Every structure is written in C-alpha cells, then in structure tokens.
Amino acid sequence: MQLLLAAVGRAKPGPERDLFEHYRRRLGWPLAVREVEEKRPLSVAERLAREGDLLLAQVPAGSVLLVLDERGKQLESPSFAERLAAWRDGGRSQVAFVIGGADGHGENVRRRADFLLSFGAMTWPHMLVRGMLAEQLYRAECILAHHPYHRGRID
C-alpha cells in the first residue's frame, strides 16, 4: 500500500520532525510527504479554501482521502489498522492523509474526505500530529502483521 501525507507548513529540523522520521523509517509501506504553504495575507475563510485547494491538488486520483480533523471520529489503534486493511484488501492501493494548517480544514477538504479522523478532543501542534500519525501507521502495520510492538488490546 502506498501512503501520502499532504500537510500545510514546512517541517523544520527539530524533535517533531525527528519523531516523524523515526517512525517513517520503520514503516514497510512507503510514505511520501508533500508540504504546501499559502503565504499571502488572506482572511481565514480565504486561507482555508486556498490551503484546501493546495492539499487536494497533492492527492492522486483514486486515493482514499483520510483527513485529520478535530471533529473527526476517534479510533482505537486496532480499529485504525482494520480500516487500513479493509481499504488495502478492497483494492485501494493508495491512502492520502491530510493535515491542515493552524485553522484546520475548509469545507472543500471535509466534503472530499472518505474519512475524518481525530486524535482526540485536545488541540495538537500540527508538526507533532505528523509524528503521531507516522507512529500509528507503524503500529497498524505491526498489528496487521501480528508483530509484538502493539501490546494493547486486539479484539
């Protein structure tokens, strides 16, 4: 399965990027990263729409689009792994994960999403979310391979 992370903002050297790269290197599935930015001074609504257009332009046709959004559904790690496996086993070979900017996502992105995922009710720094996502992808891969990395409950 091929994975893509499309995100607003450029990752700078530091612990958040190191965390992301640590789990990205452990993944067996390839994970490409595409970063976008809108630097013009726009209103929040205009910026959300523009960032959404930039993000969606990065997503290959036919990809499952999973949008990380605070209003999304929270999943336990085994359920996340099962969802990825269902897409993979259903013939969907590409999954694109989208992380918005400081103000989240515009409606253009939410409407296009196949799934809205939340990492909880708290607000997380967007660069930290990249690392959290990479770790959950690695964990999902381990769950599906029955590797002992995941020691949580698997139903």
C-alpha atoms as a PDB file:
ATOM      1  CA  MET A   1       0.000   0.000   0.000  1.00  0.00           C
ATOM      2  CA  GLN A   2       1.280   3.475  -0.853  1.00  0.00           C
ATOM      3  CA  LEU A   3       0.755   6.277   1.646  1.00  0.00           C
ATOM      4  CA  LEU A   4       0.895  10.027   1.176  1.00  0.00           C
ATOM      5  CA  LEU A   5       0.963  12.741   3.795  1.00  0.00           C
ATOM      6  CA  ALA A   6      -0.098  16.126   2.442  1.00  0.00           C
ATOM      7  CA  ALA A   7       0.297  18.857   5.030  1.00  0.00           C
ATOM      8  CA  VAL A   8       0.182  22.606   5.383  1.00  0.00           C
ATOM      9  CA  GLY A   9       3.514  24.001   6.526  1.00  0.00           C
ATOM     10  CA  ARG A  10       7.149  23.028   6.174  1.00  0.00           C
ATOM     11  CA  ALA A  11       8.728  20.790   8.802  1.00  0.00           C
ATOM     12  CA  LYS A  12      11.843  22.389  10.229  1.00  0.00           C
ATOM     13  CA  PRO A  13      14.685  20.444  11.864  1.00  0.00           C
ATOM     14  CA  GLY A  14      13.855  19.567  15.450  1.00  0.00           C
ATOM     15  CA  PRO A  15      12.309  16.951  17.704  1.00  0.00           C
ATOM     16  CA  GLU A  16       8.920  16.858  15.946  1.00  0.00           C
ATOM     17  CA  ARG A  17      10.493  16.122  12.576  1.00  0.00           C
ATOM     18  CA  ASP A  18      12.879  13.621  14.190  1.00  0.00           C
ATOM     19  CA  LEU A  19       9.909  11.772  15.713  1.00  0.00           C
ATOM     20  CA  PHE A  20       8.133  11.664  12.362  1.00  0.00           C
ATOM     21  CA  GLU A  21      11.241  10.418  10.553  1.00  0.00           C
ATOM     22  CA  HIS A  22      11.890   7.788  13.227  1.00  0.00           C
ATOM     23  CA  TYR A  23       8.557   6.085  12.532  1.00  0.00           C
ATOM     24  CA  ARG A  24       8.600   6.825   8.823  1.00  0.00           C
ATOM     25  CA  ARG A  25      11.874   4.875   8.521  1.00  0.00           C
ATOM     26  CA  ARG A  26      10.345   1.917  10.389  1.00  0.00           C
ATOM     27  CA  LEU A  27       7.346   1.688   8.072  1.00  0.00           C
ATOM     28  CA  GLY A  28       7.287  -1.022   5.436  1.00  0.00           C
ATOM     29  CA  TRP A  29       4.677   0.897   3.465  1.00  0.00           C
ATOM     30  CA  PRO A  30       6.188   3.817   1.524  1.00  0.00           C
ATOM     31  CA  LEU A  31       5.104   7.186   2.940  1.00  0.00           C
ATOM     32  CA  ALA A  32       5.603  10.203   0.677  1.00  0.00           C
ATOM     33  CA  VAL A  33       5.337  13.734   2.077  1.00  0.00           C
ATOM     34  CA  ARG A  34       4.089  16.780   0.217  1.00  0.00           C
ATOM     35  CA  GLU A  35       4.070  20.120   2.001  1.00  0.00           C
ATOM     36  CA  VAL A  36       2.110  23.154   0.866  1.00  0.00           C
ATOM     37  CA  GLU A  37       2.000  26.758   2.018  1.00  0.00           C
ATOM     38  CA  GLU A  38      -0.059  29.830   1.320  1.00  0.00           C
ATOM     39  CA  LYS A  39       1.930  32.904   2.326  1.00  0.00           C
ATOM     40  CA  ARG A  40      -0.371  35.647   1.063  1.00  0.00           C
ATOM     41  CA  PRO A  41      -2.264  37.606   3.725  1.00  0.00           C
ATOM     42  CA  LEU A  42      -5.791  36.233   3.299  1.00  0.00           C
ATOM     43  CA  SER A  43      -8.857  36.154   5.508  1.00  0.00           C
ATOM     44  CA  VAL A  44      -9.302  32.921   7.464  1.00  0.00           C
ATOM     45  CA  ALA A  45     -12.049  31.719   5.112  1.00  0.00           C
ATOM     46  CA  GLU A  46      -9.974  32.506   2.012  1.00  0.00           C
ATOM     47  CA  ARG A  47      -6.865  30.870   3.502  1.00  0.00           C
ATOM     48  CA  LEU A  48      -8.786  27.700   4.450  1.00  0.00           C
ATOM     49  CA  ALA A  49     -10.198  27.423   0.940  1.00  0.00           C
ATOM     50  CA  ARG A  50      -6.807  28.060  -0.660  1.00  0.00           C
ATOM     51  CA  GLU A  51      -4.955  25.627   1.628  1.00  0.00           C
ATOM     52  CA  GLY A  52      -7.658  23.077   0.877  1.00  0.00           C
ATOM     53  CA  ASP A  53      -7.176  23.502  -2.847  1.00  0.00           C
ATOM     54  CA  LEU A  54      -3.408  23.135  -2.451  1.00  0.00           C
ATOM     55  CA  LEU A  55      -3.787  19.998  -0.328  1.00  0.00           C
ATOM     56  CA  LEU A  56      -6.346  18.354  -2.607  1.00  0.00           C
ATOM     57  CA  ALA A  57      -4.130  19.029  -5.624  1.00  0.00           C
ATOM     58  CA  GLN A  58      -1.500  16.765  -3.995  1.00  0.00           C
ATOM     59  CA  VAL A  59      -3.834  13.777  -3.667  1.00  0.00           C
ATOM     60  CA  PRO A  60      -3.544  11.280  -6.538  1.00  0.00           C
ATOM     61  CA  ALA A  61      -6.788  10.333  -8.277  1.00  0.00           C
ATOM     62  CA  GLY A  62      -8.331   7.188  -6.828  1.00  0.00           C
ATOM     63  CA  SER A  63      -6.715   7.611  -3.414  1.00  0.00           C
ATOM     64  CA  VAL A  64      -8.634   7.114  -0.210  1.00  0.00           C
ATOM     65  CA  LEU A  65      -8.626  10.536   1.463  1.00  0.00           C
ATOM     66  CA  LEU A  66      -8.300  10.453   5.240  1.00  0.00           C
ATOM     67  CA  VAL A  67      -8.487  13.927   6.759  1.00  0.00           C
ATOM     68  CA  LEU A  68      -7.135  14.580  10.237  1.00  0.00           C
ATOM     69  CA  ASP A  69      -9.700  16.873  11.817  1.00  0.00           C
ATOM     70  CA  GLU A  70     -10.657  17.635  15.416  1.00  0.00           C
ATOM     71  CA  ARG A  71     -14.303  16.937  14.515  1.00  0.00           C
ATOM     72  CA  GLY A  72     -13.474  13.521  13.096  1.00  0.00           C
ATOM     73  CA  LYS A  73     -14.029  10.087  14.557  1.00  0.00           C
ATOM     74  CA  GLN A  74     -11.678   8.744  17.205  1.00  0.00           C
ATOM     75  CA  LEU A  75     -10.468   5.192  16.624  1.00  0.00           C
ATOM     76  CA  GLU A  76      -8.578   2.734  18.753  1.00  0.00           C
ATOM     77  CA  SER A  77      -5.354   1.552  17.125  1.00  0.00           C
ATOM     78  CA  PRO A  78      -6.705  -1.909  16.166  1.00  0.00           C
ATOM     79  CA  SER A  79      -9.743  -0.285  14.518  1.00  0.00           C
ATOM     80  CA  PHE A  80      -7.460   2.049  12.584  1.00  0.00           C
ATOM     81  CA  ALA A  81      -5.426  -0.968  11.429  1.00  0.00           C
ATOM     82  CA  GLU A  82      -8.608  -2.797  10.399  1.00  0.00           C
ATOM     83  CA  ARG A  83      -9.781   0.209   8.381  1.00  0.00           C
ATOM     84  CA  LEU A  84      -6.443   0.394   6.541  1.00  0.00           C
ATOM     85  CA  ALA A  85      -6.565  -3.353   5.885  1.00  0.00           C
ATOM     86  CA  ALA A  86     -10.132  -3.098   4.543  1.00  0.00           C
ATOM     87  CA  TRP A  87      -9.078  -0.404   2.075  1.00  0.00           C
ATOM     88  CA  ARG A  88      -5.993  -2.387   1.074  1.00  0.00           C
ATOM     89  CA  ASP A  89      -7.893  -5.657   0.726  1.00  0.00           C
ATOM     90  CA  GLY A  90     -10.691  -3.868  -1.132  1.00  0.00           C
ATOM     91  CA  GLY A  91      -8.260  -2.855  -3.877  1.00  0.00           C
ATOM     92  CA  ARG A  92      -7.488   0.677  -2.703  1.00  0.00           C
ATOM     93  CA  SER A  93      -3.713   0.813  -3.072  1.00  0.00           C
ATOM     94  CA  GLN A  94      -3.234   4.486  -2.141  1.00  0.00           C
ATOM     95  CA  VAL A  95      -4.242   6.311   1.032  1.00  0.00           C
ATOM     96  CA  ALA A  96      -3.652  10.045   1.394  1.00  0.00           C
ATOM     97  CA  PHE A  97      -3.595  11.634   4.845  1.00  0.00           C
ATOM     98  CA  VAL A  98      -4.201  15.372   5.023  1.00  0.00           C
ATOM     99  CA  ILE A  99      -3.178  17.698   7.863  1.00  0.00           C
ATOM    100  CA  GLY A 100      -4.402  21.278   7.704  1.00  0.00           C
ATOM    101  CA  GLY A 101      -2.918  24.478   8.978  1.00  0.00           C
ATOM    102  CA  ALA A 102      -3.468  26.397  12.210  1.00  0.00           C
ATOM    103  CA  ASP A 103      -7.166  26.974  11.458  1.00  0.00           C
ATOM    104  CA  GLY A 104      -7.890  23.397  10.401  1.00  0.00           C
ATOM    105  CA  HIS A 105      -9.647  22.490   7.168  1.00  0.00           C
ATOM    106  CA  GLY A 106     -12.134  24.230   4.948  1.00  0.00           C
ATOM    107  CA  GLU A 107     -15.350  22.608   3.798  1.00  0.00           C
ATOM    108  CA  ASN A 108     -13.786  21.784   0.412  1.00  0.00           C
ATOM    109  CA  VAL A 109     -11.495  19.276   2.134  1.00  0.00           C
ATOM    110  CA  ARG A 110     -14.079  17.882   4.551  1.00  0.00           C
ATOM    111  CA  ARG A 111     -16.583  17.275   1.736  1.00  0.00           C
ATOM    112  CA  ARG A 112     -13.997  15.344  -0.294  1.00  0.00           C
ATOM    113  CA  ALA A 113     -12.865  13.171   2.649  1.00  0.00           C
ATOM    114  CA  ASP A 114     -13.546   9.456   2.689  1.00  0.00           C
ATOM    115  CA  PHE A 115     -12.931   9.501   6.423  1.00  0.00           C
ATOM    116  CA  LEU A 116     -12.426  12.215   9.075  1.00  0.00           C
ATOM    117  CA  LEU A 117     -10.070  11.081  11.859  1.00  0.00           C
ATOM    118  CA  SER A 118      -9.449  12.804  15.171  1.00  0.00           C
ATOM    119  CA  PHE A 119      -6.568  12.175  17.559  1.00  0.00           C
ATOM    120  CA  GLY A 120      -8.786  13.417  20.386  1.00  0.00           C
ATOM    121  CA  ALA A 121     -10.614  16.475  21.602  1.00  0.00           C
ATOM    122  CA  MET A 122      -7.431  18.335  22.503  1.00  0.00           C
ATOM    123  CA  THR A 123      -5.675  20.551  20.005  1.00  0.00           C
ATOM    124  CA  TRP A 124      -2.271  19.207  18.939  1.00  0.00           C
ATOM    125  CA  PRO A 125       0.588  21.067  17.249  1.00  0.00           C
ATOM    126  CA  HIS A 126       0.403  20.216  13.558  1.00  0.00           C
ATOM    127  CA  MET A 127       4.036  19.143  13.378  1.00  0.00           C
ATOM    128  CA  LEU A 128       3.522  16.790  16.339  1.00  0.00           C
ATOM    129  CA  VAL A 129       0.470  15.280  14.598  1.00  0.00           C
ATOM    130  CA  ARG A 130       2.782  14.167  11.792  1.00  0.00           C
ATOM    131  CA  GLY A 131       4.804  12.108  14.267  1.00  0.00           C
ATOM    132  CA  MET A 132       1.668  10.746  15.917  1.00  0.00           C
ATOM    133  CA  LEU A 133       0.305   9.702  12.528  1.00  0.00           C
ATOM    134  CA  ALA A 134       3.564   8.021  11.493  1.00  0.00           C
ATOM    135  CA  GLU A 135       3.619   6.091  14.783  1.00  0.00           C
ATOM    136  CA  GLN A 136       0.003   4.959  14.340  1.00  0.00           C
ATOM    137  CA  LEU A 137       0.748   3.836  10.786  1.00  0.00           C
ATOM    138  CA  TYR A 138       3.704   1.822  12.047  1.00  0.00           C
ATOM    139  CA  ARG A 139       1.551   0.418  14.856  1.00  0.00           C
ATOM    140  CA  ALA A 140      -1.190  -0.520  12.352  1.00  0.00           C
ATOM    141  CA  GLU A 141       1.357  -2.299  10.200  1.00  0.00           C
ATOM    142  CA  CYS A 142       2.576  -4.230  13.263  1.00  0.00           C
ATOM    143  CA  ILE A 143      -0.983  -5.119  14.318  1.00  0.00           C
ATOM    144  CA  LEU A 144      -1.746  -6.466  10.858  1.00  0.00           C
ATOM    145  CA  ALA A 145       1.494  -8.491  10.841  1.00  0.00           C
ATOM    146  CA  HIS A 146       0.879  -9.808  14.403  1.00  0.00           C
ATOM    147  CA  HIS A 147       4.148  -8.205  15.490  1.00  0.00           C
ATOM    148  CA  PRO A 148       4.516  -7.718  19.281  1.00  0.00           C
ATOM    149  CA  TYR A 149       5.083  -3.933  19.054  1.00  0.00           C
ATOM    150  CA  HIS A 150       1.405  -3.300  19.842  1.00  0.00           C
ATOM    151  CA  ARG A 151       0.739  -4.569  23.336  1.00  0.00           C
ATOM    152  CA  GLY A 152      -2.741  -3.097  23.618  1.00  0.00           C
ATOM    153  CA  ARG A 153      -5.964  -4.998  23.368  1.00  0.00           C
ATOM    154  CA  ILE A 154      -6.819  -6.512  19.989  1.00  0.00           C
ATOM    155  CA  ASP A 155     -10.357  -7.820  19.637  1.00  0.00           C
END
